[in-house]
């Protein structure tokens, strides 16, 4: 356990290295951070921090840089999160306020994340398996054709035209609509679909094939479309973080392939607005050892997906945490409306 002064030295090293990208020396710490001790004392403290594995010396006669463990301790010891500026709050509100569908909400939110943090922003679409049904509409289009519309609590709207083997008629269509809404109210869609297999038993034999056709169409929806999908923005920000852009080629590949990031975001899923952070080797993914991921869950009163920012371990953690949390809460509020 570090004493207050050595924790202050570690905090100062992290802040200076994030700001400049250059190894930090003892004299510079004393001058910039008013630590009220001599450079010799700071050098002793830095030796203790290095022995503890919290900082490292990249080159002989160079200053020190934080290690993954140093960043982790810095993040864990954050007493407060950097507040959003008035301009940042206005930017988020301007981008996300107004009547928007889910695609527009996600598109605008991921751009806001990238612009405000100067990192790569990633947002996971709500999975149909874990969302709940807000409403199901069934509309007769022709004697043997109907339109099935499903609206989830995460704002997703799915529409399917169903070709029927028999005519339902207005009265049966209304009864089926009511039964579908009753059966899917409450549980997640995946849980609700299990109970639909026997729904046809509540109808006369002549319309049972048509009822089953509607049920089969509804059950097929989670297996189609963008079930697991990731939207990213701000990949150009990686070029600004390092002169050696080739170091981040594995990160670009992970963004393009999506599977690795989707797995990470799913593992880091937390309560809406709560922050989870993976630093360097904590990502446990080859190629992402020099990156950090700051993420938060979002959803209409409960977490249905995760969003976050991905960047070098030398990132502004307090600022990134503040923006990620704010946008997760904004998205949750919009989806709950």
C-alpha atoms as a PDB file:
ATOM      1  CA  UNK A   1       0.000   0.000   0.000  1.00  0.00           C
ATOM      2  CA  UNK A   2       1.493   3.338  -1.077  1.00  0.00           C
ATOM      3  CA  UNK A   3       1.599   6.305   1.260  1.00  0.00           C
ATOM      4  CA  UNK A   4      -0.019   9.548   0.142  1.00  0.00           C
ATOM      5  CA  UNK A   5       3.170  11.120  -1.207  1.00  0.00           C
ATOM      6  CA  UNK A   6       4.147   8.165  -3.357  1.00  0.00           C
ATOM      7  CA  UNK A   7       0.597   7.908  -4.632  1.00  0.00           C
ATOM      8  CA  UNK A   8       0.817  11.587  -5.555  1.00  0.00           C
ATOM      9  CA  UNK A   9       4.100  10.897  -7.385  1.00  0.00           C
ATOM     10  CA  UNK A  10       2.510   8.027  -9.327  1.00  0.00           C
ATOM     11  CA  UNK A  11      -0.498  10.208 -10.172  1.00  0.00           C
ATOM     12  CA  UNK A  12       1.806  12.965 -11.409  1.00  0.00           C
ATOM     13  CA  UNK A  13       3.809  10.539 -13.563  1.00  0.00           C
ATOM     14  CA  UNK A  14       0.629   9.196 -15.163  1.00  0.00           C
ATOM     15  CA  UNK A  15      -0.750  12.676 -15.824  1.00  0.00           C
ATOM     16  CA  UNK A  16       2.509  13.966 -17.325  1.00  0.00           C
ATOM     17  CA  UNK A  17       3.042  10.883 -19.489  1.00  0.00           C
ATOM     18  CA  UNK A  18      -0.532  10.999 -20.776  1.00  0.00           C
ATOM     19  CA  UNK A  19      -0.054  14.678 -21.571  1.00  0.00           C
ATOM     20  CA  UNK A  20       3.359  14.563 -23.258  1.00  0.00           C
ATOM     21  CA  UNK A  21       4.065  10.983 -24.265  1.00  0.00           C
ATOM     22  CA  UNK A  22       7.595  11.436 -22.919  1.00  0.00           C
ATOM     23  CA  UNK A  23       9.229   9.599 -19.988  1.00  0.00           C
ATOM     24  CA  UNK A  24       8.923  11.650 -16.803  1.00  0.00           C
ATOM     25  CA  UNK A  25      11.921  12.780 -14.731  1.00  0.00           C
ATOM     26  CA  UNK A  26      12.098  13.722 -11.047  1.00  0.00           C
ATOM     27  CA  UNK A  27      13.044  17.373 -11.565  1.00  0.00           C
ATOM     28  CA  UNK A  28      10.129  17.967 -13.908  1.00  0.00           C
ATOM     29  CA  UNK A  29       7.729  16.452 -11.364  1.00  0.00           C
ATOM     30  CA  UNK A  30       8.898  18.812  -8.643  1.00  0.00           C
ATOM     31  CA  UNK A  31       8.607  21.850 -10.915  1.00  0.00           C
ATOM     32  CA  UNK A  32       5.179  21.032 -12.388  1.00  0.00           C
ATOM     33  CA  UNK A  33       3.327  19.480  -9.462  1.00  0.00           C
ATOM     34  CA  UNK A  34       4.476  21.397  -6.358  1.00  0.00           C
ATOM     35  CA  UNK A  35       5.247  18.220  -4.439  1.00  0.00           C
ATOM     36  CA  UNK A  36       7.132  20.211  -1.753  1.00  0.00           C
ATOM     37  CA  UNK A  37      10.062  17.791  -1.606  1.00  0.00           C
ATOM     38  CA  UNK A  38      13.473  17.654  -3.268  1.00  0.00           C
ATOM     39  CA  UNK A  39      14.216  15.894  -6.553  1.00  0.00           C
ATOM     40  CA  UNK A  40      16.332  13.424  -4.545  1.00  0.00           C
ATOM     41  CA  UNK A  41      13.293  12.452  -2.463  1.00  0.00           C
ATOM     42  CA  UNK A  42      11.227  12.071  -5.622  1.00  0.00           C
ATOM     43  CA  UNK A  43      13.946   9.847  -7.110  1.00  0.00           C
ATOM     44  CA  UNK A  44      13.760   7.630  -4.017  1.00  0.00           C
ATOM     45  CA  UNK A  45       9.975   7.457  -4.339  1.00  0.00           C
ATOM     46  CA  UNK A  46      10.318   6.606  -8.024  1.00  0.00           C
ATOM     47  CA  UNK A  47      12.704   3.781  -7.131  1.00  0.00           C
ATOM     48  CA  UNK A  48      10.099   2.369  -4.743  1.00  0.00           C
ATOM     49  CA  UNK A  49       7.386   2.666  -7.416  1.00  0.00           C
ATOM     50  CA  UNK A  50       9.648   0.937  -9.932  1.00  0.00           C
ATOM     51  CA  UNK A  51      10.417  -1.885  -7.524  1.00  0.00           C
ATOM     52  CA  UNK A  52       6.655  -2.309  -7.002  1.00  0.00           C
ATOM     53  CA  UNK A  53       6.195  -2.685 -10.763  1.00  0.00           C
ATOM     54  CA  UNK A  54       4.115   0.495 -11.075  1.00  0.00           C
ATOM     55  CA  UNK A  55       6.539   2.438 -13.281  1.00  0.00           C
ATOM     56  CA  UNK A  56       9.366   1.442 -15.606  1.00  0.00           C
ATOM     57  CA  UNK A  57      12.415   3.015 -17.221  1.00  0.00           C
ATOM     58  CA  UNK A  58      12.207   2.473 -20.995  1.00  0.00           C
ATOM     59  CA  UNK A  59      15.831   3.514 -21.649  1.00  0.00           C
ATOM     60  CA  UNK A  60      18.959   4.070 -19.594  1.00  0.00           C
ATOM     61  CA  UNK A  61      19.149   7.648 -18.281  1.00  0.00           C
ATOM     62  CA  UNK A  62      15.520   8.221 -19.306  1.00  0.00           C
ATOM     63  CA  UNK A  63      12.654   9.153 -17.045  1.00  0.00           C
ATOM     64  CA  UNK A  64       9.892   6.749 -16.013  1.00  0.00           C
ATOM     65  CA  UNK A  65       6.616   5.694 -17.611  1.00  0.00           C
ATOM     66  CA  UNK A  66       3.628   3.966 -15.981  1.00  0.00           C
ATOM     67  CA  UNK A  67       3.171   0.222 -16.348  1.00  0.00           C
ATOM     68  CA  UNK A  68      -0.209  -1.505 -16.741  1.00  0.00           C
ATOM     69  CA  UNK A  69      -0.199  -2.023 -12.961  1.00  0.00           C
ATOM     70  CA  UNK A  70       0.531   1.668 -12.453  1.00  0.00           C
ATOM     71  CA  UNK A  71      -2.362   2.704 -14.664  1.00  0.00           C
ATOM     72  CA  UNK A  72      -4.605   0.242 -12.836  1.00  0.00           C
ATOM     73  CA  UNK A  73      -3.730   1.658  -9.421  1.00  0.00           C
ATOM     74  CA  UNK A  74      -4.164   5.196 -10.759  1.00  0.00           C
ATOM     75  CA  UNK A  75      -7.634   4.344 -12.102  1.00  0.00           C
ATOM     76  CA  UNK A  76      -8.668   2.482  -8.950  1.00  0.00           C
ATOM     77  CA  UNK A  77      -7.588   5.427  -6.779  1.00  0.00           C
ATOM     78  CA  UNK A  78      -9.485   8.063  -8.747  1.00  0.00           C
ATOM     79  CA  UNK A  79     -11.394   9.978  -6.094  1.00  0.00           C
ATOM     80  CA  UNK A  80     -13.498  11.928  -8.562  1.00  0.00           C
ATOM     81  CA  UNK A  81     -14.345  11.725 -12.227  1.00  0.00           C
ATOM     82  CA  UNK A  82     -13.473  14.714 -14.342  1.00  0.00           C
ATOM     83  CA  UNK A  83     -16.724  16.675 -14.811  1.00  0.00           C
ATOM     84  CA  UNK A  84     -17.984  17.287 -18.327  1.00  0.00           C
ATOM     85  CA  UNK A  85     -17.556  20.816 -19.577  1.00  0.00           C
ATOM     86  CA  UNK A  86     -20.599  22.836 -20.595  1.00  0.00           C
ATOM     87  CA  UNK A  87     -19.519  22.437 -24.243  1.00  0.00           C
ATOM     88  CA  UNK A  88     -19.303  18.641 -23.878  1.00  0.00           C
ATOM     89  CA  UNK A  89     -22.753  18.464 -22.291  1.00  0.00           C
ATOM     90  CA  UNK A  90     -24.224  20.620 -25.055  1.00  0.00           C
ATOM     91  CA  UNK A  91     -22.558  18.473 -27.731  1.00  0.00           C
ATOM     92  CA  UNK A  92     -24.040  15.275 -26.309  1.00  0.00           C
ATOM     93  CA  UNK A  93     -27.484  16.786 -25.874  1.00  0.00           C
ATOM     94  CA  UNK A  94     -27.496  18.273 -29.377  1.00  0.00           C
ATOM     95  CA  UNK A  95     -26.484  14.972 -30.953  1.00  0.00           C
ATOM     96  CA  UNK A  96     -28.874  12.743 -29.041  1.00  0.00           C
ATOM     97  CA  UNK A  97     -31.966  14.843 -28.360  1.00  0.00           C
ATOM     98  CA  UNK A  98     -34.982  14.665 -30.657  1.00  0.00           C
ATOM     99  CA  UNK A  99     -37.085  11.869 -32.142  1.00  0.00           C
ATOM    100  CA  UNK A 100     -34.632   9.263 -33.399  1.00  0.00           C
ATOM    101  CA  UNK A 101     -34.800   5.589 -34.303  1.00  0.00           C
ATOM    102  CA  UNK A 102     -32.272   3.123 -32.877  1.00  0.00           C
ATOM    103  CA  UNK A 103     -29.917   3.285 -35.861  1.00  0.00           C
ATOM    104  CA  UNK A 104     -29.755   7.080 -35.654  1.00  0.00           C
ATOM    105  CA  UNK A 105     -29.248   7.009 -31.888  1.00  0.00           C
ATOM    106  CA  UNK A 106     -26.336   4.562 -32.116  1.00  0.00           C
ATOM    107  CA  UNK A 107     -24.765   6.377 -35.085  1.00  0.00           C
ATOM    108  CA  UNK A 108     -24.847   9.744 -33.348  1.00  0.00           C
ATOM    109  CA  UNK A 109     -23.717   8.362 -29.998  1.00  0.00           C
ATOM    110  CA  UNK A 110     -20.656   6.617 -31.444  1.00  0.00           C
ATOM    111  CA  UNK A 111     -19.617   9.816 -33.240  1.00  0.00           C
ATOM    112  CA  UNK A 112     -20.019  11.817 -30.034  1.00  0.00           C
ATOM    113  CA  UNK A 113     -17.903   9.298 -28.107  1.00  0.00           C
ATOM    114  CA  UNK A 114     -15.091   9.501 -30.666  1.00  0.00           C
ATOM    115  CA  UNK A 115     -15.169  13.295 -30.929  1.00  0.00           C
ATOM    116  CA  UNK A 116     -15.199  13.970 -27.202  1.00  0.00           C
ATOM    117  CA  UNK A 117     -12.599  11.387 -26.115  1.00  0.00           C
ATOM    118  CA  UNK A 118     -10.330  11.403 -29.209  1.00  0.00           C
ATOM    119  CA  UNK A 119     -10.280   7.605 -28.983  1.00  0.00           C
ATOM    120  CA  UNK A 120     -11.863   4.809 -30.999  1.00  0.00           C
ATOM    121  CA  UNK A 121     -15.522   4.598 -29.988  1.00  0.00           C
ATOM    122  CA  UNK A 122     -17.433   1.314 -30.083  1.00  0.00           C
ATOM    123  CA  UNK A 123     -21.108   0.629 -29.390  1.00  0.00           C
ATOM    124  CA  UNK A 124     -22.701  -2.788 -29.221  1.00  0.00           C
ATOM    125  CA  UNK A 125     -26.222  -2.993 -30.624  1.00  0.00           C
ATOM    126  CA  UNK A 126     -28.804  -4.402 -28.212  1.00  0.00           C
ATOM    127  CA  UNK A 127     -29.108  -8.124 -28.832  1.00  0.00           C
ATOM    128  CA  UNK A 128     -32.596  -9.326 -29.688  1.00  0.00           C
ATOM    129  CA  UNK A 129     -32.095 -12.299 -27.395  1.00  0.00           C
ATOM    130  CA  UNK A 130     -31.737 -10.121 -24.297  1.00  0.00           C
ATOM    131  CA  UNK A 131     -34.211  -7.340 -25.102  1.00  0.00           C
ATOM    132  CA  UNK A 132     -37.862  -7.393 -24.095  1.00  0.00           C
ATOM    133  CA  UNK A 133     -40.850  -6.923 -26.378  1.00  0.00           C
ATOM    134  CA  UNK A 134     -42.614  -3.614 -25.945  1.00  0.00           C
ATOM    135  CA  UNK A 135     -45.368  -4.323 -28.464  1.00  0.00           C
ATOM    136  CA  UNK A 136     -46.319  -6.690 -31.271  1.00  0.00           C
ATOM    137  CA  UNK A 137     -48.599  -5.505 -34.062  1.00  0.00           C
ATOM    138  CA  UNK A 138     -50.314  -7.801 -36.552  1.00  0.00           C
ATOM    139  CA  UNK A 139     -51.866  -6.185 -39.636  1.00  0.00           C
ATOM    140  CA  UNK A 140     -53.931  -7.923 -42.291  1.00  0.00           C
ATOM    141  CA  UNK A 141     -52.593  -7.095 -45.763  1.00  0.00           C
ATOM    142  CA  UNK A 142     -54.652  -9.619 -47.745  1.00  0.00           C
ATOM    143  CA  UNK A 143     -56.753 -12.714 -46.982  1.00  0.00           C
ATOM    144  CA  UNK A 144     -53.614 -14.888 -46.827  1.00  0.00           C
ATOM    145  CA  UNK A 145     -50.951 -12.329 -45.938  1.00  0.00           C
ATOM    146  CA  UNK A 146     -50.189 -10.213 -42.856  1.00  0.00           C
ATOM    147  CA  UNK A 147     -47.520  -7.842 -41.564  1.00  0.00           C
ATOM    148  CA  UNK A 148     -45.840  -8.723 -38.263  1.00  0.00           C
ATOM    149  CA  UNK A 149     -44.222  -5.779 -36.453  1.00  0.00           C
ATOM    150  CA  UNK A 150     -42.192  -6.245 -33.280  1.00  0.00           C
ATOM    151  CA  UNK A 151     -40.944  -3.283 -31.198  1.00  0.00           C
ATOM    152  CA  UNK A 152     -38.436  -3.976 -28.415  1.00  0.00           C
ATOM    153  CA  UNK A 153     -37.784  -1.990 -25.257  1.00  0.00           C
ATOM    154  CA  UNK A 154     -34.388  -1.051 -26.722  1.00  0.00           C
ATOM    155  CA  UNK A 155     -36.043   0.691 -29.642  1.00  0.00           C
ATOM    156  CA  UNK A 156     -35.487  -1.932 -32.308  1.00  0.00           C
ATOM    157  CA  UNK A 157     -38.300  -2.371 -34.821  1.00  0.00           C
ATOM    158  CA  UNK A 158     -38.501  -5.591 -36.819  1.00  0.00           C
ATOM    159  CA  UNK A 159     -41.045  -6.094 -39.601  1.00  0.00           C
ATOM    160  CA  UNK A 160     -41.857  -9.293 -41.482  1.00  0.00           C
ATOM    161  CA  UNK A 161     -44.464 -10.077 -44.131  1.00  0.00           C
ATOM    162  CA  UNK A 162     -46.020 -13.481 -43.386  1.00  0.00           C
ATOM    163  CA  UNK A 163     -47.530 -15.605 -46.153  1.00  0.00           C
ATOM    164  CA  UNK A 164     -50.351 -17.577 -44.537  1.00  0.00           C
ATOM    165  CA  UNK A 165     -51.531 -21.091 -45.457  1.00  0.00           C
ATOM    166  CA  UNK A 166     -55.057 -20.101 -44.375  1.00  0.00           C
ATOM    167  CA  UNK A 167     -57.029 -16.915 -43.864  1.00  0.00           C
ATOM    168  CA  UNK A 168     -57.046 -15.487 -40.352  1.00  0.00           C
ATOM    169  CA  UNK A 169     -59.736 -12.836 -40.695  1.00  0.00           C
ATOM    170  CA  UNK A 170     -60.009  -9.606 -38.647  1.00  0.00           C
ATOM    171  CA  UNK A 171     -61.400 -11.200 -35.481  1.00  0.00           C
ATOM    172  CA  UNK A 172     -58.796 -13.989 -35.298  1.00  0.00           C
ATOM    173  CA  UNK A 173     -56.042 -11.502 -36.166  1.00  0.00           C
ATOM    174  CA  UNK A 174     -57.085  -9.339 -33.201  1.00  0.00           C
ATOM    175  CA  UNK A 175     -57.174 -12.331 -30.831  1.00  0.00           C
ATOM    176  CA  UNK A 176     -53.771 -13.554 -32.036  1.00  0.00           C
ATOM    177  CA  UNK A 177     -52.293 -10.052 -31.606  1.00  0.00           C
ATOM    178  CA  UNK A 178     -53.551  -9.927 -28.014  1.00  0.00           C
ATOM    179  CA  UNK A 179     -52.221 -13.408 -27.205  1.00  0.00           C
ATOM    180  CA  UNK A 180     -48.803 -12.619 -28.684  1.00  0.00           C
ATOM    181  CA  UNK A 181     -48.517  -9.434 -26.613  1.00  0.00           C
ATOM    182  CA  UNK A 182     -49.632 -11.253 -23.490  1.00  0.00           C
ATOM    183  CA  UNK A 183     -47.165 -14.098 -24.038  1.00  0.00           C
ATOM    184  CA  UNK A 184     -44.173 -11.807 -24.678  1.00  0.00           C
ATOM    185  CA  UNK A 185     -44.816  -9.258 -21.922  1.00  0.00           C
ATOM    186  CA  UNK A 186     -42.200  -9.343 -19.167  1.00  0.00           C
ATOM    187  CA  UNK A 187     -39.524 -11.895 -20.042  1.00  0.00           C
ATOM    188  CA  UNK A 188     -36.718 -11.393 -22.539  1.00  0.00           C
ATOM    189  CA  UNK A 189     -37.568 -12.260 -26.131  1.00  0.00           C
ATOM    190  CA  UNK A 190     -35.499 -15.436 -25.946  1.00  0.00           C
ATOM    191  CA  UNK A 191     -37.400 -16.578 -22.840  1.00  0.00           C
ATOM    192  CA  UNK A 192     -40.781 -15.569 -24.266  1.00  0.00           C
ATOM    193  CA  UNK A 193     -40.332 -17.471 -27.521  1.00  0.00           C
ATOM    194  CA  UNK A 194     -40.043 -20.770 -25.628  1.00  0.00           C
ATOM    195  CA  UNK A 195     -43.662 -20.410 -24.481  1.00  0.00           C
ATOM    196  CA  UNK A 196     -45.117 -19.808 -27.947  1.00  0.00           C
ATOM    197  CA  UNK A 197     -44.939 -23.416 -29.172  1.00  0.00           C
ATOM    198  CA  UNK A 198     -48.396 -24.252 -27.839  1.00  0.00           C
ATOM    199  CA  UNK A 199     -50.080 -20.964 -28.748  1.00  0.00           C
ATOM    200  CA  UNK A 200     -51.926 -22.571 -31.693  1.00  0.00           C
ATOM    201  CA  UNK A 201     -53.890 -24.762 -29.272  1.00  0.00           C
ATOM    202  CA  UNK A 202     -56.083 -21.785 -28.361  1.00  0.00           C
ATOM    203  CA  UNK A 203     -57.466 -21.508 -31.908  1.00  0.00           C
ATOM    204  CA  UNK A 204     -59.834 -23.528 -34.044  1.00  0.00           C
ATOM    205  CA  UNK A 205     -58.330 -26.184 -36.266  1.00  0.00           C
ATOM    206  CA  UNK A 206     -58.973 -24.288 -39.518  1.00  0.00           C
ATOM    207  CA  UNK A 207     -56.709 -21.340 -38.552  1.00  0.00           C
ATOM    208  CA  UNK A 208     -54.039 -23.222 -36.608  1.00  0.00           C
ATOM    209  CA  UNK A 209     -51.647 -23.496 -39.605  1.00  0.00           C
ATOM    210  CA  UNK A 210     -51.854 -19.709 -40.126  1.00  0.00           C
ATOM    211  CA  UNK A 211     -51.281 -19.060 -36.409  1.00  0.00           C
ATOM    212  CA  UNK A 212     -48.250 -21.336 -36.465  1.00  0.00           C
ATOM    213  CA  UNK A 213     -46.885 -19.499 -39.508  1.00  0.00           C
ATOM    214  CA  UNK A 214     -47.007 -16.208 -37.574  1.00  0.00           C
ATOM    215  CA  UNK A 215     -45.381 -17.802 -34.521  1.00  0.00           C
ATOM    216  CA  UNK A 216     -42.625 -19.387 -36.651  1.00  0.00           C
ATOM    217  CA  UNK A 217     -41.905 -16.015 -38.257  1.00  0.00           C
ATOM    218  CA  UNK A 218     -41.643 -14.344 -34.852  1.00  0.00           C
ATOM    219  CA  UNK A 219     -39.329 -17.067 -33.543  1.00  0.00           C
ATOM    220  CA  UNK A 220     -37.051 -16.674 -36.572  1.00  0.00           C
ATOM    221  CA  UNK A 221     -36.463 -12.946 -36.009  1.00  0.00           C
ATOM    222  CA  UNK A 222     -33.660 -13.289 -33.416  1.00  0.00           C
ATOM    223  CA  UNK A 223     -31.769 -15.597 -35.786  1.00  0.00           C
ATOM    224  CA  UNK A 224     -31.719 -13.054 -38.607  1.00  0.00           C
ATOM    225  CA  UNK A 225     -30.432  -9.545 -39.151  1.00  0.00           C
ATOM    226  CA  UNK A 226     -27.710  -7.951 -37.033  1.00  0.00           C
ATOM    227  CA  UNK A 227     -28.093 -10.034 -33.919  1.00  0.00           C
ATOM    228  CA  UNK A 228     -24.591  -9.261 -32.677  1.00  0.00           C
ATOM    229  CA  UNK A 229     -23.325  -6.052 -34.226  1.00  0.00           C
ATOM    230  CA  UNK A 230     -20.739  -3.452 -33.358  1.00  0.00           C
ATOM    231  CA  UNK A 231     -20.507   0.113 -34.624  1.00  0.00           C
ATOM    232  CA  UNK A 232     -17.163   1.940 -34.450  1.00  0.00           C
ATOM    233  CA  UNK A 233     -15.967   5.474 -35.120  1.00  0.00           C
ATOM    234  CA  UNK A 234     -12.761   7.444 -34.700  1.00  0.00           C
ATOM    235  CA  UNK A 235     -10.225   4.866 -35.917  1.00  0.00           C
ATOM    236  CA  UNK A 236      -8.150   7.770 -37.272  1.00  0.00           C
ATOM    237  CA  UNK A 237      -7.556   8.809 -33.655  1.00  0.00           C
ATOM    238  CA  UNK A 238      -5.131   5.890 -33.356  1.00  0.00           C
ATOM    239  CA  UNK A 239      -2.794   7.610 -35.818  1.00  0.00           C
ATOM    240  CA  UNK A 240      -2.533  10.617 -33.492  1.00  0.00           C
ATOM    241  CA  UNK A 241      -1.577   8.516 -30.492  1.00  0.00           C
ATOM    242  CA  UNK A 242       1.700   7.129 -31.848  1.00  0.00           C
ATOM    243  CA  UNK A 243       4.266   7.879 -34.537  1.00  0.00           C
ATOM    244  CA  UNK A 244       4.515   4.132 -35.136  1.00  0.00           C
ATOM    245  CA  UNK A 245       1.049   3.484 -36.489  1.00  0.00           C
ATOM    246  CA  UNK A 246       1.944  -0.134 -37.289  1.00  0.00           C
ATOM    247  CA  UNK A 247       1.733  -0.913 -33.567  1.00  0.00           C
ATOM    248  CA  UNK A 248      -2.018  -0.513 -33.792  1.00  0.00           C
ATOM    249  CA  UNK A 249      -2.642  -2.682 -36.856  1.00  0.00           C
ATOM    250  CA  UNK A 250      -3.936  -5.535 -34.620  1.00  0.00           C
ATOM    251  CA  UNK A 251      -6.388  -3.049 -33.104  1.00  0.00           C
ATOM    252  CA  UNK A 252      -7.702  -2.119 -36.548  1.00  0.00           C
ATOM    253  CA  UNK A 253      -8.063  -5.810 -37.375  1.00  0.00           C
ATOM    254  CA  UNK A 254      -9.999  -6.384 -34.136  1.00  0.00           C
ATOM    255  CA  UNK A 255     -12.339  -3.492 -34.988  1.00  0.00           C
ATOM    256  CA  UNK A 256     -12.897  -4.827 -38.486  1.00  0.00           C
ATOM    257  CA  UNK A 257     -13.518  -8.418 -37.422  1.00  0.00           C
ATOM    258  CA  UNK A 258     -15.658  -7.356 -34.407  1.00  0.00           C
ATOM    259  CA  UNK A 259     -15.675 -10.782 -32.764  1.00  0.00           C
ATOM    260  CA  UNK A 260     -12.903  -9.985 -30.256  1.00  0.00           C
ATOM    261  CA  UNK A 261     -14.364  -6.614 -29.272  1.00  0.00           C
ATOM    262  CA  UNK A 262     -17.890  -8.002 -29.004  1.00  0.00           C
ATOM    263  CA  UNK A 263     -16.566 -10.691 -26.663  1.00  0.00           C
ATOM    264  CA  UNK A 264     -14.719  -8.098 -24.564  1.00  0.00           C
ATOM    265  CA  UNK A 265     -17.710  -5.767 -24.356  1.00  0.00           C
ATOM    266  CA  UNK A 266     -20.004  -8.641 -23.387  1.00  0.00           C
ATOM    267  CA  UNK A 267     -17.569  -9.720 -20.644  1.00  0.00           C
ATOM    268  CA  UNK A 268     -17.378  -6.132 -19.374  1.00  0.00           C
ATOM    269  CA  UNK A 269     -21.133  -5.637 -19.315  1.00  0.00           C
ATOM    270  CA  UNK A 270     -22.157  -3.804 -16.147  1.00  0.00           C
ATOM    271  CA  UNK A 271     -25.190  -2.008 -14.771  1.00  0.00           C
ATOM    272  CA  UNK A 272     -26.314   0.943 -16.880  1.00  0.00           C
ATOM    273  CA  UNK A 273     -23.917   3.854 -16.406  1.00  0.00           C
ATOM    274  CA  UNK A 274     -21.415   1.815 -14.373  1.00  0.00           C
ATOM    275  CA  UNK A 275     -17.835   1.811 -15.648  1.00  0.00           C
ATOM    276  CA  UNK A 276     -15.631  -1.204 -16.371  1.00  0.00           C
ATOM    277  CA  UNK A 277     -12.011  -0.814 -17.492  1.00  0.00           C
ATOM    278  CA  UNK A 278      -9.506  -3.254 -19.003  1.00  0.00           C
ATOM    279  CA  UNK A 279      -5.911  -1.987 -19.159  1.00  0.00           C
ATOM    280  CA  UNK A 280      -3.180  -3.422 -21.372  1.00  0.00           C
ATOM    281  CA  UNK A 281      -2.695  -7.128 -20.741  1.00  0.00           C
ATOM    282  CA  UNK A 282      -5.989  -7.251 -18.816  1.00  0.00           C
ATOM    283  CA  UNK A 283      -7.729  -7.419 -22.206  1.00  0.00           C
ATOM    284  CA  UNK A 284      -6.247 -10.948 -22.519  1.00  0.00           C
ATOM    285  CA  UNK A 285      -6.369 -10.532 -26.302  1.00  0.00           C
ATOM    286  CA  UNK A 286      -3.312 -10.821 -28.541  1.00  0.00           C
ATOM    287  CA  UNK A 287      -2.616  -7.526 -30.256  1.00  0.00           C
ATOM    288  CA  UNK A 288      -4.469  -5.434 -27.682  1.00  0.00           C
ATOM    289  CA  UNK A 289      -1.736  -5.473 -25.023  1.00  0.00           C
ATOM    290  CA  UNK A 290      -0.942  -1.780 -25.539  1.00  0.00           C
ATOM    291  CA  UNK A 291      -4.553  -0.622 -25.421  1.00  0.00           C
ATOM    292  CA  UNK A 292      -7.181   0.069 -22.792  1.00  0.00           C
ATOM    293  CA  UNK A 293     -10.951  -0.240 -23.044  1.00  0.00           C
ATOM    294  CA  UNK A 294     -13.264   1.943 -20.952  1.00  0.00           C
ATOM    295  CA  UNK A 295     -16.840   0.656 -21.149  1.00  0.00           C
ATOM    296  CA  UNK A 296     -20.299   1.075 -19.623  1.00  0.00           C
ATOM    297  CA  UNK A 297     -23.590  -0.734 -19.966  1.00  0.00           C
ATOM    298  CA  UNK A 298     -26.696   1.002 -21.269  1.00  0.00           C
ATOM    299  CA  UNK A 299     -30.365   0.163 -21.614  1.00  0.00           C
ATOM    300  CA  UNK A 300     -33.946   1.078 -20.700  1.00  0.00           C
ATOM    301  CA  UNK A 301     -33.696   0.624 -16.941  1.00  0.00           C
ATOM    302  CA  UNK A 302     -31.402  -2.386 -17.314  1.00  0.00           C
ATOM    303  CA  UNK A 303     -28.323  -3.219 -19.360  1.00  0.00           C
ATOM    304  CA  UNK A 304     -29.043  -4.545 -22.852  1.00  0.00           C
ATOM    305  CA  UNK A 305     -25.670  -3.725 -24.469  1.00  0.00           C
ATOM    306  CA  UNK A 306     -22.323  -2.039 -23.850  1.00  0.00           C
ATOM    307  CA  UNK A 307     -20.471   0.953 -25.271  1.00  0.00           C
ATOM    308  CA  UNK A 308     -16.981   2.275 -24.733  1.00  0.00           C
ATOM    309  CA  UNK A 309     -13.763   3.755 -26.029  1.00  0.00           C
ATOM    310  CA  UNK A 310     -10.617   1.915 -27.056  1.00  0.00           C
ATOM    311  CA  UNK A 311      -7.235   3.607 -27.120  1.00  0.00           C
ATOM    312  CA  UNK A 312      -3.619   3.382 -26.017  1.00  0.00           C
ATOM    313  CA  UNK A 313      -2.933   2.697 -22.351  1.00  0.00           C
ATOM    314  CA  UNK A 314      -1.637   6.290 -22.314  1.00  0.00           C
ATOM    315  CA  UNK A 315      -5.164   7.711 -22.399  1.00  0.00           C
ATOM    316  CA  UNK A 316      -6.966  10.366 -20.395  1.00  0.00           C
ATOM    317  CA  UNK A 317      -8.779   7.985 -18.047  1.00  0.00           C
ATOM    318  CA  UNK A 318     -10.736  10.558 -16.004  1.00  0.00           C
ATOM    319  CA  UNK A 319     -11.973  12.328 -19.160  1.00  0.00           C
ATOM    320  CA  UNK A 320     -12.794   9.084 -20.994  1.00  0.00           C
ATOM    321  CA  UNK A 321     -14.665   7.702 -17.964  1.00  0.00           C
ATOM    322  CA  UNK A 322     -16.754  10.879 -17.705  1.00  0.00           C
ATOM    323  CA  UNK A 323     -17.777  10.871 -21.377  1.00  0.00           C
ATOM    324  CA  UNK A 324     -18.474   7.114 -21.554  1.00  0.00           C
ATOM    325  CA  UNK A 325     -20.633   7.284 -18.420  1.00  0.00           C
ATOM    326  CA  UNK A 326     -22.521  10.367 -19.647  1.00  0.00           C
ATOM    327  CA  UNK A 327     -23.350   8.905 -23.061  1.00  0.00           C
ATOM    328  CA  UNK A 328     -24.368   5.558 -21.532  1.00  0.00           C
ATOM    329  CA  UNK A 329     -26.787   7.406 -19.246  1.00  0.00           C
ATOM    330  CA  UNK A 330     -28.103   9.543 -22.112  1.00  0.00           C
ATOM    331  CA  UNK A 331     -28.732   6.442 -24.235  1.00  0.00           C
ATOM    332  CA  UNK A 332     -30.434   4.696 -21.325  1.00  0.00           C
ATOM    333  CA  UNK A 333     -32.695   7.684 -20.768  1.00  0.00           C
ATOM    334  CA  UNK A 334     -33.641   7.877 -24.456  1.00  0.00           C
ATOM    335  CA  UNK A 335     -34.414   4.154 -24.715  1.00  0.00           C
ATOM    336  CA  UNK A 336     -36.528   4.254 -21.555  1.00  0.00           C
ATOM    337  CA  UNK A 337     -38.641   7.164 -22.846  1.00  0.00           C
END
